[in-house]
Amino acid sequence: MAKKDPNGNPRDTAIRYISMLSYIPMEPSDISTAELKKRLEGENFLVDMRTIQRDLERLCDKFPLDNRHGHGRELRWFFRKGTANQWPAMNTDTALTLLMAEKNLKPIIPKQAFNSLASLVNQAKETLKVQDKSGSKKIWSDSVRIVPKGFSLQPADIQPDVMTNIFDAMGKHRQLRITNKTGMESVINPLGLVMRGSMLYLVSNYHGYDDIRITALHRIVTANIEMSDLVTPKGFNLDDTLNSGLMSWRLDPGKPKNFEIEVNAGIALYLEENRVNPTQTIKKLDDGNSLVKFASEDTLELRQWLLGFGAEIVVNKPAAVRKWIIEMGKEIVEQYKEYD
């Protein structure tokens, strides 16, 4: 049932304030009074524009809120960038988690994406400073680390305006006009963002076409929001698209292939602890090696992973993958002949 008298019950008013603050973004993003009204109505708060405007003016005295003019006289609201006491309030566990993210995830997240956490990190530091008198949280933050698996490359830089406009376009359900490093300009429908390792990719389709493409964000030079609404291809689902192998560089699309690889005892133990997928089986052979079987799409990424084991494994099936590894081995030997 809708709350018809927003000012009649102090408890309802407090809850409305909390809901309102939760919808206000950090600059450079913003939200209009009309958009806030629509969000509040979705939570059954029936309030007029004048009430919302009055609420916002009151909240400005207690929170680092600000506004700017949008179209015409419309006011758009936001939390000021870099403020340490942004809503919502933060407990010590959340603060600790954020500080761990700052220390350990910063090397693998694009700088422009990580910069958006700056105000939350400041809030986390202030929270721990005020709330933790025992020093236990500091001990945990100094004692817990996340170590990236394997060799990691540094993330590529992304143009700040590109990142912001892509987020805004997706939030407003609008098309984008992008320019890539070759100077080619295109109008696209931004359908999703995917982080793969330290790389951020935009999943989209070009205006007038249904085929789905991926574009690394660091290869986009400019991205401007169009007035036209985003057009989603019929039946599009981001998870289904990714599960189809869009980002795996499939070499032979179709049914999964049956893989058989012979591995030594050390690799067998490694694969017992780090399964390729649920179809994997391992059978120990008489010579001490093991036969590993699994079903998988034949992708460039999988082939390169197998090649990375060098002479420690032998690929028996599929024949096409075995042939590719043999050819790659010959090419590597040829490249290093002059060093013999």
Protein backbone atom coordinates (compact mmCIF):
# COMPACT_ATOMS: atom_id res chain seq x y z
CA MET A 1 0.00 0.00 0.00
CA ALA A 2 1.34 3.44 -0.92
CA LYS A 3 2.49 5.83 1.77
CA LYS A 4 0.15 8.76 1.07
CA ASP A 5 1.27 11.16 3.78
CA PRO A 6 5.08 11.45 3.50
CA ASN A 7 5.33 14.15 6.17
CA GLY A 8 2.83 12.72 8.64
CA ASN A 9 4.98 9.97 10.11
CA PRO A 10 8.59 10.72 11.14
CA ARG A 11 9.55 7.09 10.57
CA ASP A 12 8.23 7.14 6.98
CA THR A 13 10.00 10.43 6.37
CA ALA A 14 13.31 8.97 7.60
CA ILE A 15 12.87 5.91 5.38
CA ARG A 16 12.09 8.18 2.43
CA TYR A 17 15.27 10.15 3.09
CA ILE A 18 17.31 6.92 3.14
CA SER A 19 15.74 5.74 -0.13
CA MET A 20 16.32 9.11 -1.75
CA LEU A 21 19.99 9.23 -0.75
CA SER A 22 20.58 5.72 -2.06
CA TYR A 23 19.58 6.84 -5.58
CA ILE A 24 21.82 9.91 -5.75
CA PRO A 25 25.08 9.09 -7.61
CA MET A 26 28.59 10.42 -7.25
CA GLU A 27 29.58 13.12 -9.75
CA PRO A 28 30.11 13.26 -12.69
CA SER A 29 26.86 11.24 -12.75
CA ASP A 30 23.69 12.93 -11.55
CA ILE A 31 19.92 12.45 -11.22
CA SER A 32 17.03 14.84 -11.73
CA THR A 33 14.25 15.58 -9.26
CA ALA A 34 11.79 14.00 -11.70
CA GLU A 35 13.88 10.82 -11.86
CA LEU A 36 14.05 10.70 -8.06
CA LYS A 37 10.27 11.08 -7.91
CA LYS A 38 9.86 8.11 -10.26
CA ARG A 39 12.27 5.97 -8.19
CA LEU A 40 10.45 6.86 -4.95
CA GLU A 41 7.08 6.05 -6.51
CA GLY A 42 8.53 2.64 -7.35
CA GLU A 43 8.91 2.17 -3.57
CA ASN A 44 5.34 3.38 -2.99
CA PHE A 45 6.28 6.86 -1.73
CA LEU A 46 3.66 9.19 -3.27
CA VAL A 47 5.42 12.56 -3.05
CA ASP A 48 5.19 15.64 -5.23
CA MET A 49 8.12 17.47 -6.83
CA ARG A 50 7.96 20.30 -4.30
CA THR A 51 8.32 17.87 -1.38
CA ILE A 52 11.31 16.17 -2.99
CA GLN A 53 12.96 19.52 -3.69
CA ARG A 54 12.43 20.57 -0.06
CA ASP A 55 13.84 17.23 1.15
CA LEU A 56 16.96 17.66 -0.97
CA GLU A 57 17.57 21.15 0.35
CA ARG A 58 17.34 19.84 3.93
CA LEU A 59 19.67 16.94 3.19
CA CYS A 60 22.26 19.34 1.73
CA ASP A 61 22.85 20.61 5.27
CA LYS A 62 23.87 17.14 6.49
CA PHE A 63 25.38 15.46 3.41
CA PRO A 64 27.84 16.57 0.69
CA LEU A 65 25.10 16.97 -1.93
CA ASP A 66 25.20 19.46 -4.78
CA ASN A 67 23.22 20.24 -7.94
CA ARG A 68 23.58 21.70 -11.40
CA HIS A 69 21.18 22.75 -14.11
CA GLY A 70 20.28 20.21 -16.77
CA HIS A 71 17.87 20.97 -19.60
CA GLY A 72 16.14 24.28 -18.99
CA ARG A 73 15.64 24.92 -15.29
CA GLU A 74 15.84 21.26 -14.29
CA LEU A 75 18.13 20.61 -11.33
CA ARG A 76 20.25 17.46 -11.32
CA TRP A 77 21.65 16.18 -8.01
CA PHE A 78 24.86 14.36 -7.07
CA PHE A 79 27.30 13.65 -4.24
CA ARG A 80 30.38 15.84 -4.58
CA LYS A 81 33.36 13.91 -5.90
CA GLY A 82 36.03 12.99 -3.36
CA THR A 83 33.86 13.40 -0.27
CA ALA A 84 34.70 10.97 2.52
CA ASN A 85 31.30 10.80 4.21
CA GLN A 86 29.18 9.72 1.28
CA TRP A 87 25.91 7.92 1.95
CA PRO A 88 25.25 5.18 2.86
CA ALA A 89 27.02 4.80 6.20
CA MET A 90 29.76 2.17 6.25
CA ASN A 91 30.56 -0.44 8.87
CA THR A 92 34.10 -1.52 9.72
CA ASP A 93 33.94 -4.82 7.83
CA THR A 94 32.89 -3.06 4.63
CA ALA A 95 35.59 -0.44 5.17
CA LEU A 96 38.24 -3.14 5.60
CA THR A 97 37.11 -4.91 2.42
CA LEU A 98 37.36 -1.68 0.43
CA LEU A 99 40.87 -0.96 1.70
CA MET A 100 41.93 -4.49 0.74
CA ALA A 101 40.51 -3.85 -2.73
CA GLU A 102 42.49 -0.62 -2.98
CA LYS A 103 45.78 -2.31 -2.06
CA ASN A 104 45.37 -5.57 -3.93
CA LEU A 105 43.08 -5.03 -6.93
CA LYS A 106 44.38 -1.66 -8.06
CA PRO A 107 47.14 -3.18 -10.27
CA ILE A 108 44.65 -5.21 -12.33
CA ILE A 109 41.75 -2.75 -12.67
CA PRO A 110 41.85 0.05 -15.30
CA LYS A 111 42.81 3.30 -13.62
CA GLN A 112 39.68 5.12 -14.76
CA ALA A 113 37.44 2.42 -13.30
CA PHE A 114 39.34 2.36 -10.02
CA ASN A 115 39.23 6.15 -9.69
CA SER A 116 35.47 5.92 -9.21
CA LEU A 117 36.16 4.17 -5.89
CA ALA A 118 38.31 7.00 -4.53
CA SER A 119 35.56 8.58 -2.45
CA LEU A 120 34.54 5.21 -0.99
CA VAL A 121 38.15 4.45 -0.11
CA ASN A 122 38.38 7.81 1.68
CA GLN A 123 35.18 6.99 3.53
CA ALA A 124 36.58 3.58 4.49
CA LYS A 125 39.71 5.18 5.95
CA GLU A 126 37.65 7.65 7.95
CA THR A 127 35.36 4.86 9.16
CA LEU A 128 38.23 2.76 10.48
CA LYS A 129 39.86 5.81 12.05
CA VAL A 130 36.71 6.71 13.97
CA GLN A 131 35.20 3.29 14.77
CA ASP A 132 38.17 1.04 15.50
CA LYS A 133 39.98 1.90 18.71
CA SER A 134 41.55 -1.52 19.27
CA GLY A 135 43.67 -1.59 16.13
CA SER A 136 42.38 -5.04 15.10
CA LYS A 137 41.11 -3.80 11.75
CA LYS A 138 44.50 -2.31 10.96
CA ILE A 139 46.09 -5.66 11.77
CA TRP A 140 43.79 -7.43 9.32
CA SER A 141 44.34 -4.84 6.57
CA ASP A 142 48.12 -5.22 6.99
CA SER A 143 47.97 -9.03 7.04
CA VAL A 144 45.66 -10.00 4.16
CA ARG A 145 46.76 -9.92 0.52
CA ILE A 146 45.48 -11.07 -2.88
CA VAL A 147 48.19 -12.38 -5.21
CA PRO A 148 47.25 -12.54 -8.94
CA LYS A 149 47.49 -16.00 -10.47
CA GLY A 150 50.29 -16.31 -12.99
CA PHE A 151 51.97 -13.55 -14.96
CA SER A 152 49.81 -10.40 -15.13
CA LEU A 153 50.08 -7.51 -17.58
CA GLN A 154 49.32 -3.95 -16.55
CA PRO A 155 45.82 -2.77 -17.55
CA ALA A 156 45.57 -0.41 -20.51
CA ASP A 157 44.55 3.21 -19.93
CA ILE A 158 40.99 4.17 -20.87
CA GLN A 159 39.93 7.71 -21.71
CA PRO A 160 38.01 9.02 -18.64
CA ASP A 161 35.22 10.56 -20.75
CA VAL A 162 34.82 7.29 -22.64
CA MET A 163 34.25 5.33 -19.44
CA THR A 164 31.80 7.90 -18.04
CA ASN A 165 29.76 8.23 -21.24
CA ILE A 166 29.50 4.48 -21.72
CA PHE A 167 28.16 4.09 -18.17
CA ASP A 168 25.73 6.98 -18.72
CA ALA A 169 24.53 5.66 -22.10
CA MET A 170 23.82 2.23 -20.66
CA GLY A 171 22.04 3.73 -17.66
CA LYS A 172 19.92 5.99 -19.85
CA HIS A 173 19.33 3.27 -22.48
CA ARG A 174 20.85 5.41 -25.25
CA GLN A 175 22.98 4.73 -28.32
CA LEU A 176 26.64 5.81 -28.54
CA ARG A 177 28.67 7.38 -31.31
CA ILE A 178 32.22 6.08 -30.95
CA THR A 179 35.52 6.72 -32.69
CA ASN A 180 38.29 4.14 -32.54
CA LYS A 181 42.06 4.58 -32.88
CA THR A 182 41.91 4.23 -36.67
CA GLY A 183 39.53 7.21 -36.83
CA MET A 184 36.50 5.14 -37.85
CA GLU A 185 33.23 6.51 -36.45
CA SER A 186 30.23 4.28 -35.70
CA VAL A 187 26.88 4.43 -33.94
CA ILE A 188 26.44 1.44 -31.65
CA ASN A 189 24.04 -0.04 -29.11
CA PRO A 190 25.96 -0.62 -25.84
CA LEU A 191 24.60 -3.93 -24.50
CA GLY A 192 27.02 -4.82 -21.71
CA LEU A 193 30.43 -4.44 -20.10
CA VAL A 194 32.68 -7.42 -19.47
CA MET A 195 35.93 -7.51 -17.50
CA ARG A 196 38.32 -10.23 -18.65
CA GLY A 197 41.54 -10.28 -16.66
CA SER A 198 42.63 -6.64 -16.55
CA MET A 199 40.79 -5.72 -19.76
CA LEU A 200 37.38 -4.08 -20.03
CA TYR A 201 35.28 -4.88 -23.10
CA LEU A 202 32.10 -3.31 -24.44
CA VAL A 203 29.57 -5.77 -25.86
CA SER A 204 27.53 -4.05 -28.56
CA ASN A 205 25.99 -4.22 -32.00
CA TYR A 206 26.34 -1.61 -34.73
CA HIS A 207 23.24 0.44 -35.55
CA GLY A 208 21.25 -1.42 -38.20
CA TYR A 209 22.97 -4.78 -37.62
CA ASP A 210 22.19 -7.62 -35.22
CA ASP A 211 25.59 -9.35 -35.00
CA ILE A 212 27.16 -8.92 -31.56
CA ARG A 213 30.70 -7.56 -31.30
CA ILE A 214 33.21 -6.88 -28.53
CA THR A 215 35.46 -3.81 -28.35
CA ALA A 216 38.25 -3.19 -25.86
CA LEU A 217 37.49 0.11 -24.10
CA HIS A 218 41.07 1.35 -24.37
CA ARG A 219 40.73 1.26 -28.19
CA ILE A 220 37.86 3.75 -28.11
CA VAL A 221 39.06 7.36 -28.45
CA THR A 222 35.71 9.15 -28.12
CA ALA A 223 32.24 8.03 -27.04
CA ASN A 224 29.34 10.46 -27.21
CA ILE A 225 25.78 9.77 -26.07
CA GLU A 226 23.15 9.97 -28.83
CA MET A 227 19.58 11.16 -28.33
CA SER A 228 18.24 7.98 -29.96
CA ASP A 229 17.18 5.08 -27.74
CA LEU A 230 19.24 1.92 -27.58
CA VAL A 231 17.91 -0.90 -29.80
CA THR A 232 18.48 -4.36 -28.29
CA PRO A 233 18.59 -7.26 -30.78
CA LYS A 234 15.65 -9.64 -30.41
CA GLY A 235 16.39 -12.39 -27.89
CA PHE A 236 19.69 -10.88 -26.72
CA ASN A 237 20.95 -12.09 -23.35
CA LEU A 238 24.42 -11.15 -22.12
CA ASP A 239 25.07 -14.42 -20.26
CA ASP A 240 23.93 -16.53 -23.23
CA THR A 241 26.14 -14.46 -25.53
CA LEU A 242 29.21 -14.99 -23.36
CA ASN A 243 28.44 -18.69 -22.89
CA SER A 244 28.33 -19.06 -26.67
CA GLY A 245 32.07 -18.38 -26.74
CA LEU A 246 32.05 -14.78 -27.95
CA MET A 247 35.24 -13.92 -26.05
CA SER A 248 37.01 -17.27 -26.37
CA TRP A 249 37.98 -16.99 -30.05
CA ARG A 250 36.39 -20.26 -31.08
CA LEU A 251 38.32 -21.99 -33.87
CA ASP A 252 35.76 -24.63 -34.77
CA PRO A 253 32.28 -23.50 -33.64
CA GLY A 254 29.76 -26.22 -32.96
CA LYS A 255 29.53 -29.07 -30.50
CA PRO A 256 32.20 -29.45 -27.79
CA LYS A 257 35.18 -31.60 -28.80
CA ASN A 258 36.47 -34.57 -26.81
CA PHE A 259 39.99 -33.87 -25.54
CA GLU A 260 42.48 -36.53 -24.41
CA ILE A 261 45.83 -35.45 -23.03
CA GLU A 262 48.57 -37.54 -21.43
CA VAL A 263 50.25 -35.79 -18.51
CA ASN A 264 52.95 -36.52 -15.93
CA ALA A 265 52.20 -37.01 -12.22
CA GLY A 266 52.78 -33.35 -11.31
CA ILE A 267 50.36 -32.02 -13.94
CA ALA A 268 47.82 -34.69 -13.01
CA LEU A 269 47.86 -33.49 -9.39
CA TYR A 270 47.53 -29.89 -10.56
CA LEU A 271 44.48 -30.77 -12.70
CA GLU A 272 42.91 -32.73 -9.85
CA GLU A 273 43.02 -29.53 -7.79
CA ASN A 274 42.18 -27.19 -10.71
CA ARG A 275 39.63 -28.93 -12.93
CA VAL A 276 39.27 -27.88 -16.57
CA ASN A 277 35.49 -28.28 -16.30
CA PRO A 278 32.93 -30.71 -14.78
CA THR A 279 33.43 -33.25 -17.61
CA GLN A 280 37.08 -33.86 -16.67
CA THR A 281 38.23 -37.36 -15.71
CA ILE A 282 41.75 -38.56 -14.82
CA LYS A 283 42.95 -42.15 -15.19
CA LYS A 284 46.37 -43.24 -13.98
CA LEU A 285 48.39 -45.21 -16.57
CA ASP A 286 50.83 -48.09 -16.03
CA ASP A 287 53.88 -45.93 -16.82
CA GLY A 288 53.07 -43.47 -14.00
CA ASN A 289 51.54 -40.86 -16.27
CA SER A 290 47.82 -40.08 -16.38
CA LEU A 291 45.23 -39.74 -19.14
CA VAL A 292 43.04 -36.67 -18.77
CA LYS A 293 39.76 -36.47 -20.69
CA PHE A 294 37.30 -33.60 -20.97
CA ALA A 295 34.83 -32.06 -23.41
CA SER A 296 35.31 -28.43 -24.45
CA GLU A 297 34.97 -25.95 -27.28
CA ASP A 298 38.10 -25.75 -29.41
CA THR A 299 39.31 -22.21 -28.72
CA LEU A 300 42.57 -20.34 -29.28
CA GLU A 301 42.77 -19.70 -25.53
CA LEU A 302 42.54 -23.43 -24.76
CA ARG A 303 45.18 -24.29 -27.36
CA GLN A 304 47.56 -21.69 -25.96
CA TRP A 305 46.97 -23.03 -22.45
CA LEU A 306 47.84 -26.57 -23.60
CA LEU A 307 50.89 -25.30 -25.50
CA GLY A 308 52.08 -23.57 -22.33
CA PHE A 309 52.71 -26.95 -20.66
CA GLY A 310 55.40 -27.68 -23.28
CA ALA A 311 56.82 -31.20 -23.14
CA GLU A 312 55.03 -32.03 -19.89
CA ILE A 313 51.88 -33.09 -21.76
CA VAL A 314 50.95 -34.82 -25.02
CA VAL A 315 47.67 -34.05 -26.76
CA ASN A 316 46.20 -37.21 -28.27
CA LYS A 317 42.83 -35.79 -29.32
CA PRO A 318 41.46 -33.89 -31.15
CA ALA A 319 43.77 -34.52 -34.08
CA ALA A 320 43.45 -30.91 -35.29
CA VAL A 321 44.69 -29.58 -31.95
CA ARG A 322 47.58 -32.08 -31.87
CA LYS A 323 48.57 -31.03 -35.41
CA TRP A 324 48.43 -27.32 -34.44
CA ILE A 325 50.71 -27.88 -31.43
CA ILE A 326 53.19 -29.83 -33.59
CA GLU A 327 53.27 -27.01 -36.16
CA MET A 328 53.71 -24.40 -33.44
CA GLY A 329 56.59 -26.44 -31.98
CA LYS A 330 58.29 -26.55 -35.38
CA GLU A 331 57.92 -22.80 -35.79
CA ILE A 332 59.40 -22.17 -32.34
CA VAL A 333 62.39 -24.40 -33.12
CA GLU A 334 62.87 -22.59 -36.43
CA GLN A 335 62.84 -19.21 -34.71
CA TYR A 336 65.65 -20.24 -32.35
CA LYS A 337 67.88 -22.13 -34.83
CA GLU A 338 70.37 -19.30 -35.13
CA TYR A 339 71.02 -19.47 -31.37
CA ASP A 340 72.19 -23.13 -31.43
